[in-house]
Amino acid sequence: MPSADVALRPAAGSDARDIARIMRAALGSFAWMPTVHTPDEDLAFISGIVLPLQRVTVAEAAKSIVGFIAVHGEWVEQLYIDPAWTGRGIGSRLLEQATAGMTEVKLHCFQANSGARRFYERHGFTAAKFGDGSGNEERLPDIQYLRRR
């Protein structure tokens, strides 16, 4: 299904379970990613922190959520696509819509996530800082990306 058949809309509280499912599926698709939370903890994080405190947009196809982005201030805090839906331009649409008009956008990405790194670099982000993993709960080396317009 092309990206045009995917609608973007603001997230609602009732989307929490589907958003948590997307996050879990995306993270679980990486062999290098440790599991640090249970599905119930993921749901509590989405319900208690992400939805109330961040601006969240979901991508929906055939009445199912297939991806989401969460932005807070100048930070992209979360951007996850259902692994079955990657490569269809959904992430690009979410990123462009959520950051439209922002002069500076920051985000973190794991160094091991080569696909995400290529994606962000294609969208004008440059590596601003490399971390050794001591600043995240997964304890994986990361990169802080920055895009200025």
N, C-alpha and C. Protein backbone atom coordinates (compact mmCIF):
# COMPACT_ATOMS: atom_id res chain seq x y z
N MET A 1 0.85 -1.17 0.00
CA MET A 1 0.00 0.00 0.00
C MET A 1 0.90 1.24 0.00
N PRO A 2 0.71 2.14 -0.95
CA PRO A 2 1.54 3.35 -0.96
C PRO A 2 1.21 4.27 0.19
N SER A 3 2.13 5.16 0.47
CA SER A 3 1.98 6.10 1.57
C SER A 3 0.74 6.96 1.43
N ALA A 4 0.29 7.23 0.21
CA ALA A 4 -0.88 8.07 -0.01
C ALA A 4 -2.13 7.46 0.60
N ASP A 5 -2.17 6.15 0.77
CA ASP A 5 -3.32 5.47 1.37
C ASP A 5 -3.26 5.47 2.89
N VAL A 6 -2.29 6.17 3.43
CA VAL A 6 -2.09 6.27 4.87
C VAL A 6 -2.46 7.68 5.30
N ALA A 7 -3.34 7.78 6.29
CA ALA A 7 -3.76 9.08 6.81
C ALA A 7 -3.01 9.40 8.09
N LEU A 8 -2.63 10.66 8.25
CA LEU A 8 -2.01 11.13 9.49
C LEU A 8 -3.06 11.89 10.28
N ARG A 9 -3.05 11.66 11.60
CA ARG A 9 -3.99 12.38 12.47
C ARG A 9 -3.40 12.49 13.86
N PRO A 10 -3.88 13.46 14.63
CA PRO A 10 -3.42 13.56 16.02
C PRO A 10 -3.84 12.31 16.79
N ALA A 11 -2.98 11.87 17.68
CA ALA A 11 -3.28 10.70 18.51
C ALA A 11 -4.32 11.05 19.56
N ALA A 12 -5.08 10.05 19.94
CA ALA A 12 -6.06 10.15 21.03
C ALA A 12 -5.63 9.21 22.15
N GLY A 13 -6.14 9.46 23.33
CA GLY A 13 -5.83 8.58 24.47
C GLY A 13 -6.17 7.13 24.19
N SER A 14 -7.22 6.92 23.42
CA SER A 14 -7.65 5.55 23.10
C SER A 14 -6.67 4.83 22.17
N ASP A 15 -5.69 5.54 21.62
CA ASP A 15 -4.68 4.94 20.74
C ASP A 15 -3.51 4.35 21.51
N ALA A 16 -3.46 4.52 22.81
CA ALA A 16 -2.28 4.14 23.60
C ALA A 16 -1.86 2.69 23.38
N ARG A 17 -2.79 1.77 23.41
CA ARG A 17 -2.45 0.36 23.27
C ARG A 17 -1.83 0.08 21.90
N ASP A 18 -2.38 0.65 20.84
CA ASP A 18 -1.84 0.44 19.50
C ASP A 18 -0.47 1.10 19.34
N ILE A 19 -0.30 2.27 19.93
CA ILE A 19 0.99 2.95 19.86
C ILE A 19 2.05 2.14 20.60
N ALA A 20 1.72 1.64 21.76
CA ALA A 20 2.67 0.81 22.52
C ALA A 20 3.01 -0.46 21.74
N ARG A 21 2.03 -1.04 21.06
CA ARG A 21 2.26 -2.24 20.25
C ARG A 21 3.23 -1.95 19.10
N ILE A 22 3.06 -0.80 18.46
CA ILE A 22 3.96 -0.41 17.35
C ILE A 22 5.38 -0.23 17.89
N MET A 23 5.52 0.46 19.02
CA MET A 23 6.84 0.68 19.59
C MET A 23 7.51 -0.65 19.92
N ARG A 24 6.78 -1.55 20.54
CA ARG A 24 7.32 -2.86 20.91
C ARG A 24 7.73 -3.65 19.67
N ALA A 25 6.90 -3.64 18.63
CA ALA A 25 7.21 -4.38 17.40
C ALA A 25 8.45 -3.82 16.73
N ALA A 26 8.56 -2.49 16.67
CA ALA A 26 9.72 -1.87 16.03
C ALA A 26 10.99 -2.19 16.80
N LEU A 27 10.96 -2.00 18.11
CA LEU A 27 12.15 -2.28 18.92
C LEU A 27 12.51 -3.77 18.89
N GLY A 28 11.51 -4.62 18.88
CA GLY A 28 11.73 -6.05 18.85
C GLY A 28 12.28 -6.56 17.53
N SER A 29 12.24 -5.74 16.50
CA SER A 29 12.73 -6.17 15.19
C SER A 29 14.25 -6.07 15.08
N PHE A 30 14.90 -5.49 16.08
CA PHE A 30 16.36 -5.33 16.06
C PHE A 30 17.00 -6.38 16.96
N ALA A 31 17.87 -7.21 16.38
CA ALA A 31 18.54 -8.25 17.16
C ALA A 31 19.45 -7.65 18.23
N TRP A 32 19.95 -6.46 18.02
CA TRP A 32 20.90 -5.83 18.94
C TRP A 32 20.22 -5.08 20.09
N MET A 33 18.90 -4.94 20.02
CA MET A 33 18.18 -4.15 21.02
C MET A 33 17.81 -5.00 22.23
N PRO A 34 18.31 -4.64 23.42
CA PRO A 34 17.89 -5.38 24.62
C PRO A 34 16.45 -5.03 24.98
N THR A 35 15.76 -5.95 25.59
CA THR A 35 14.40 -5.69 26.08
C THR A 35 14.53 -5.21 27.51
N VAL A 36 14.17 -3.95 27.75
CA VAL A 36 14.32 -3.38 29.09
C VAL A 36 12.97 -3.12 29.77
N HIS A 37 11.87 -3.28 29.01
CA HIS A 37 10.55 -3.05 29.58
C HIS A 37 9.59 -4.14 29.14
N THR A 38 8.59 -4.38 29.95
CA THR A 38 7.52 -5.30 29.60
C THR A 38 6.50 -4.57 28.73
N PRO A 39 5.63 -5.30 28.04
CA PRO A 39 4.56 -4.63 27.30
C PRO A 39 3.68 -3.75 28.19
N ASP A 40 3.42 -4.17 29.42
CA ASP A 40 2.63 -3.33 30.34
C ASP A 40 3.36 -2.04 30.69
N GLU A 41 4.67 -2.11 30.85
CA GLU A 41 5.46 -0.90 31.11
C GLU A 41 5.47 0.02 29.89
N ASP A 42 5.53 -0.57 28.70
CA ASP A 42 5.45 0.24 27.47
C ASP A 42 4.12 0.99 27.44
N LEU A 43 3.04 0.30 27.73
CA LEU A 43 1.71 0.93 27.72
C LEU A 43 1.63 2.04 28.76
N ALA A 44 2.17 1.81 29.94
CA ALA A 44 2.16 2.85 30.98
C ALA A 44 2.97 4.06 30.54
N PHE A 45 4.09 3.85 29.87
CA PHE A 45 4.92 4.93 29.35
C PHE A 45 4.14 5.74 28.31
N ILE A 46 3.52 5.07 27.37
CA ILE A 46 2.75 5.76 26.33
C ILE A 46 1.57 6.50 26.94
N SER A 47 0.83 5.83 27.82
CA SER A 47 -0.38 6.42 28.43
C SER A 47 -0.06 7.55 29.41
N GLY A 48 1.01 7.37 30.19
CA GLY A 48 1.29 8.29 31.28
C GLY A 48 2.28 9.40 30.96
N ILE A 49 3.09 9.22 29.92
CA ILE A 49 4.11 10.22 29.60
C ILE A 49 3.98 10.74 28.17
N VAL A 50 4.00 9.82 27.21
CA VAL A 50 4.04 10.25 25.81
C VAL A 50 2.76 10.99 25.42
N LEU A 51 1.61 10.37 25.57
CA LEU A 51 0.37 11.02 25.13
C LEU A 51 0.05 12.31 25.90
N PRO A 52 0.22 12.34 27.22
CA PRO A 52 -0.14 13.59 27.91
C PRO A 52 0.88 14.72 27.74
N LEU A 53 2.14 14.39 27.49
CA LEU A 53 3.18 15.42 27.53
C LEU A 53 3.81 15.75 26.18
N GLN A 54 3.53 14.96 25.17
CA GLN A 54 4.15 15.18 23.86
C GLN A 54 3.07 15.32 22.80
N ARG A 55 3.43 15.96 21.70
CA ARG A 55 2.52 16.10 20.56
C ARG A 55 2.70 14.85 19.70
N VAL A 56 1.66 14.03 19.65
CA VAL A 56 1.76 12.72 19.00
C VAL A 56 0.84 12.68 17.78
N THR A 57 1.41 12.22 16.68
CA THR A 57 0.68 12.01 15.44
C THR A 57 0.79 10.54 15.07
N VAL A 58 -0.32 9.96 14.65
CA VAL A 58 -0.31 8.57 14.22
C VAL A 58 -0.53 8.49 12.71
N ALA A 59 -0.01 7.43 12.12
CA ALA A 59 -0.27 7.09 10.73
C ALA A 59 -1.23 5.91 10.75
N GLU A 60 -2.31 6.04 10.01
CA GLU A 60 -3.36 5.03 10.05
C GLU A 60 -3.64 4.54 8.63
N ALA A 61 -3.75 3.23 8.48
CA ALA A 61 -4.10 2.61 7.21
C ALA A 61 -5.17 1.56 7.48
N ALA A 62 -6.24 1.60 6.73
CA ALA A 62 -7.35 0.66 6.89
C ALA A 62 -7.78 0.56 8.36
N LYS A 63 -7.87 1.72 9.01
CA LYS A 63 -8.32 1.84 10.39
C LYS A 63 -7.39 1.21 11.41
N SER A 64 -6.14 0.96 11.03
CA SER A 64 -5.13 0.44 11.95
C SER A 64 -3.97 1.41 12.01
N ILE A 65 -3.44 1.61 13.21
CA ILE A 65 -2.27 2.46 13.37
C ILE A 65 -1.05 1.67 12.93
N VAL A 66 -0.26 2.29 12.03
CA VAL A 66 0.92 1.62 11.49
C VAL A 66 2.22 2.36 11.82
N GLY A 67 2.10 3.51 12.49
CA GLY A 67 3.28 4.26 12.89
C GLY A 67 2.88 5.47 13.70
N PHE A 68 3.89 6.09 14.35
CA PHE A 68 3.61 7.30 15.11
C PHE A 68 4.89 8.10 15.33
N ILE A 69 4.70 9.37 15.61
CA ILE A 69 5.79 10.26 15.99
C ILE A 69 5.34 11.06 17.19
N ALA A 70 6.26 11.32 18.11
CA ALA A 70 5.99 12.14 19.29
C ALA A 70 7.06 13.23 19.36
N VAL A 71 6.61 14.47 19.49
CA VAL A 71 7.51 15.62 19.53
C VAL A 71 7.24 16.40 20.80
N HIS A 72 8.33 16.88 21.40
CA HIS A 72 8.23 17.73 22.59
C HIS A 72 9.25 18.85 22.44
N GLY A 73 8.76 20.08 22.31
CA GLY A 73 9.66 21.20 22.08
C GLY A 73 10.39 21.00 20.76
N GLU A 74 11.71 21.08 20.81
CA GLU A 74 12.50 20.90 19.58
C GLU A 74 12.99 19.46 19.40
N TRP A 75 12.47 18.54 20.20
CA TRP A 75 12.93 17.15 20.18
C TRP A 75 11.90 16.20 19.56
N VAL A 76 12.36 15.37 18.64
CA VAL A 76 11.59 14.20 18.22
C VAL A 76 11.91 13.13 19.26
N GLU A 77 10.94 12.83 20.09
CA GLU A 77 11.15 11.89 21.19
C GLU A 77 10.95 10.44 20.76
N GLN A 78 10.02 10.21 19.85
CA GLN A 78 9.70 8.85 19.39
C GLN A 78 9.34 8.93 17.91
N LEU A 79 9.79 7.98 17.14
CA LEU A 79 9.33 7.79 15.76
C LEU A 79 9.47 6.30 15.45
N TYR A 80 8.33 5.63 15.38
CA TYR A 80 8.32 4.19 15.16
C TYR A 80 7.29 3.84 14.10
N ILE A 81 7.67 2.91 13.24
CA ILE A 81 6.79 2.38 12.20
C ILE A 81 6.70 0.88 12.40
N ASP A 82 5.50 0.33 12.24
CA ASP A 82 5.32 -1.11 12.28
C ASP A 82 6.29 -1.71 11.25
N PRO A 83 7.10 -2.70 11.64
CA PRO A 83 8.08 -3.27 10.71
C PRO A 83 7.47 -3.74 9.38
N ALA A 84 6.23 -4.17 9.38
CA ALA A 84 5.58 -4.60 8.14
C ALA A 84 5.25 -3.43 7.21
N TRP A 85 5.38 -2.20 7.72
CA TRP A 85 5.01 -1.01 6.95
C TRP A 85 6.19 -0.11 6.62
N THR A 86 7.39 -0.51 6.95
CA THR A 86 8.55 0.34 6.66
C THR A 86 8.82 0.38 5.15
N GLY A 87 9.53 1.41 4.74
CA GLY A 87 9.90 1.55 3.34
C GLY A 87 8.79 2.06 2.44
N ARG A 88 7.73 2.63 3.01
CA ARG A 88 6.60 3.12 2.22
C ARG A 88 6.43 4.64 2.32
N GLY A 89 7.41 5.31 2.92
CA GLY A 89 7.34 6.77 3.02
C GLY A 89 6.56 7.28 4.22
N ILE A 90 6.10 6.40 5.08
CA ILE A 90 5.29 6.81 6.23
C ILE A 90 6.13 7.60 7.22
N GLY A 91 7.32 7.11 7.53
CA GLY A 91 8.20 7.83 8.44
C GLY A 91 8.53 9.21 7.93
N SER A 92 8.78 9.33 6.64
CA SER A 92 9.08 10.63 6.04
C SER A 92 7.91 11.59 6.20
N ARG A 93 6.71 11.10 5.94
CA ARG A 93 5.52 11.96 6.08
C ARG A 93 5.32 12.39 7.53
N LEU A 94 5.46 11.45 8.46
CA LEU A 94 5.31 11.79 9.87
C LEU A 94 6.34 12.82 10.29
N LEU A 95 7.60 12.60 9.92
CA LEU A 95 8.68 13.51 10.31
C LEU A 95 8.47 14.90 9.71
N GLU A 96 8.15 14.97 8.44
CA GLU A 96 7.97 16.28 7.80
C GLU A 96 6.78 17.03 8.38
N GLN A 97 5.66 16.35 8.59
CA GLN A 97 4.49 17.04 9.14
C GLN A 97 4.75 17.50 10.58
N ALA A 98 5.34 16.64 11.39
CA ALA A 98 5.53 16.96 12.81
C ALA A 98 6.57 18.04 13.04
N THR A 99 7.50 18.21 12.11
CA THR A 99 8.57 19.19 12.30
C THR A 99 8.45 20.39 11.38
N ALA A 100 7.37 20.46 10.60
CA ALA A 100 7.17 21.59 9.69
C ALA A 100 7.19 22.89 10.49
N GLY A 101 7.95 23.84 10.01
CA GLY A 101 8.02 25.13 10.67
C GLY A 101 9.03 25.21 11.81
N MET A 102 9.60 24.10 12.20
CA MET A 102 10.60 24.11 13.27
C MET A 102 11.95 24.49 12.67
N THR A 103 12.63 25.45 13.26
CA THR A 103 13.93 25.85 12.73
C THR A 103 15.05 24.94 13.22
N GLU A 104 14.85 24.31 14.36
CA GLU A 104 15.85 23.38 14.89
C GLU A 104 15.13 22.15 15.42
N VAL A 105 15.62 20.98 15.02
CA VAL A 105 15.04 19.71 15.47
C VAL A 105 16.17 18.82 15.95
N LYS A 106 15.98 18.21 17.11
CA LYS A 106 16.97 17.31 17.69
C LYS A 106 16.33 15.95 17.92
N LEU A 107 17.15 14.92 17.94
CA LEU A 107 16.68 13.58 18.27
C LEU A 107 17.88 12.71 18.61
N HIS A 108 17.59 11.59 19.24
CA HIS A 108 18.61 10.58 19.53
C HIS A 108 18.32 9.34 18.70
N CYS A 109 19.39 8.67 18.30
CA CYS A 109 19.31 7.44 17.53
C CYS A 109 20.43 6.53 18.01
N PHE A 110 20.17 5.25 18.08
CA PHE A 110 21.23 4.32 18.46
C PHE A 110 22.22 4.18 17.31
N GLN A 111 23.50 4.13 17.63
CA GLN A 111 24.53 3.99 16.61
C GLN A 111 24.33 2.72 15.79
N ALA A 112 23.84 1.66 16.41
CA ALA A 112 23.65 0.38 15.72
C ALA A 112 22.49 0.41 14.72
N ASN A 113 21.65 1.42 14.79
CA ASN A 113 20.47 1.48 13.94
C ASN A 113 20.82 2.15 12.61
N SER A 114 21.49 1.40 11.76
CA SER A 114 21.98 1.96 10.49
C SER A 114 20.85 2.43 9.58
N GLY A 115 19.73 1.75 9.59
CA GLY A 115 18.59 2.18 8.77
C GLY A 115 18.06 3.52 9.21
N ALA A 116 17.90 3.71 10.51
CA ALA A 116 17.41 5.00 11.03
C ALA A 116 18.44 6.09 10.77
N ARG A 117 19.70 5.78 10.89
CA ARG A 117 20.74 6.77 10.65
C ARG A 117 20.67 7.25 9.19
N ARG A 118 20.55 6.33 8.25
CA ARG A 118 20.42 6.72 6.84
C ARG A 118 19.16 7.57 6.63
N PHE A 119 18.07 7.16 7.26
CA PHE A 119 16.80 7.88 7.14
C PHE A 119 16.96 9.32 7.61
N TYR A 120 17.50 9.52 8.81
CA TYR A 120 17.63 10.88 9.35
C TYR A 120 18.61 11.71 8.54
N GLU A 121 19.69 11.11 8.11
CA GLU A 121 20.66 11.85 7.30
C GLU A 121 20.07 12.26 5.95
N ARG A 122 19.23 11.41 5.36
CA ARG A 122 18.52 11.78 4.12
C ARG A 122 17.59 12.96 4.35
N HIS A 123 17.12 13.11 5.58
CA HIS A 123 16.20 14.20 5.91
C HIS A 123 16.92 15.42 6.48
N GLY A 124 18.20 15.52 6.24
CA GLY A 124 18.95 16.72 6.59
C GLY A 124 19.53 16.79 7.98
N PHE A 125 19.46 15.71 8.73
CA PHE A 125 20.02 15.69 10.08
C PHE A 125 21.52 15.38 10.00
N THR A 126 22.26 16.00 10.89
CA THR A 126 23.69 15.72 11.00
C THR A 126 24.01 15.30 12.43
N ALA A 127 25.00 14.45 12.57
CA ALA A 127 25.42 13.98 13.90
C ALA A 127 26.06 15.14 14.64
N ALA A 128 25.53 15.46 15.81
CA ALA A 128 26.06 16.55 16.62
C ALA A 128 26.89 16.05 17.79
N LYS A 129 26.55 14.86 18.28
CA LYS A 129 27.23 14.33 19.46
C LYS A 129 27.09 12.81 19.49
N PHE A 130 28.16 12.13 19.85
CA PHE A 130 28.14 10.67 19.98
C PHE A 130 28.22 10.32 21.47
N GLY A 131 27.35 9.40 21.90
CA GLY A 131 27.34 8.97 23.29
C GLY A 131 27.79 7.52 23.43
N ASP A 132 28.25 7.18 24.61
CA ASP A 132 28.76 5.83 24.87
C ASP A 132 27.70 4.88 25.44
N GLY A 133 26.47 5.36 25.58
CA GLY A 133 25.40 4.53 26.12
C GLY A 133 25.12 4.79 27.58
N SER A 134 25.97 5.55 28.25
CA SER A 134 25.76 5.80 29.68
C SER A 134 24.56 6.70 29.93
N GLY A 135 24.06 7.36 28.90
CA GLY A 135 22.94 8.27 29.08
C GLY A 135 21.59 7.70 28.70
N ASN A 136 21.52 6.41 28.37
CA ASN A 136 20.23 5.80 28.05
C ASN A 136 20.07 4.47 28.79
N GLU A 137 18.84 4.08 29.00
CA GLU A 137 18.60 2.89 29.80
C GLU A 137 18.95 1.59 29.09
N GLU A 138 19.08 1.62 27.77
CA GLU A 138 19.49 0.43 27.04
C GLU A 138 21.00 0.20 27.14
N ARG A 139 21.72 1.25 27.51
CA ARG A 139 23.19 1.22 27.62
C ARG A 139 23.86 0.94 26.27
N LEU A 140 23.25 1.48 25.22
CA LEU A 140 23.78 1.33 23.87
C LEU A 140 24.33 2.67 23.37
N PRO A 141 25.47 2.65 22.69
CA PRO A 141 26.00 3.90 22.12
C PRO A 141 24.96 4.57 21.22
N ASP A 142 24.87 5.88 21.35
CA ASP A 142 23.87 6.62 20.59
C ASP A 142 24.47 7.83 19.91
N ILE A 143 23.62 8.51 19.16
CA ILE A 143 24.00 9.72 18.44
C ILE A 143 22.90 10.75 18.68
N GLN A 144 23.30 11.97 18.95
CA GLN A 144 22.34 13.06 18.97
C GLN A 144 22.42 13.72 17.59
N TYR A 145 21.30 13.74 16.90
CA TYR A 145 21.21 14.37 15.59
C TYR A 145 20.58 15.74 15.71
N LEU A 146 20.93 16.61 14.76
CA LEU A 146 20.44 17.99 14.74
C LEU A 146 20.14 18.37 13.30
N ARG A 147 19.03 19.06 13.11
CA ARG A 147 18.69 19.64 11.80
C ARG A 147 18.30 21.10 12.02
N ARG A 148 18.97 21.97 11.29
CA ARG A 148 18.64 23.41 11.33
C ARG A 148 18.19 23.84 9.96
N ARG A 149 17.17 24.66 9.93
CA ARG A 149 16.66 25.18 8.65
C ARG A 149 16.73 26.68 8.66
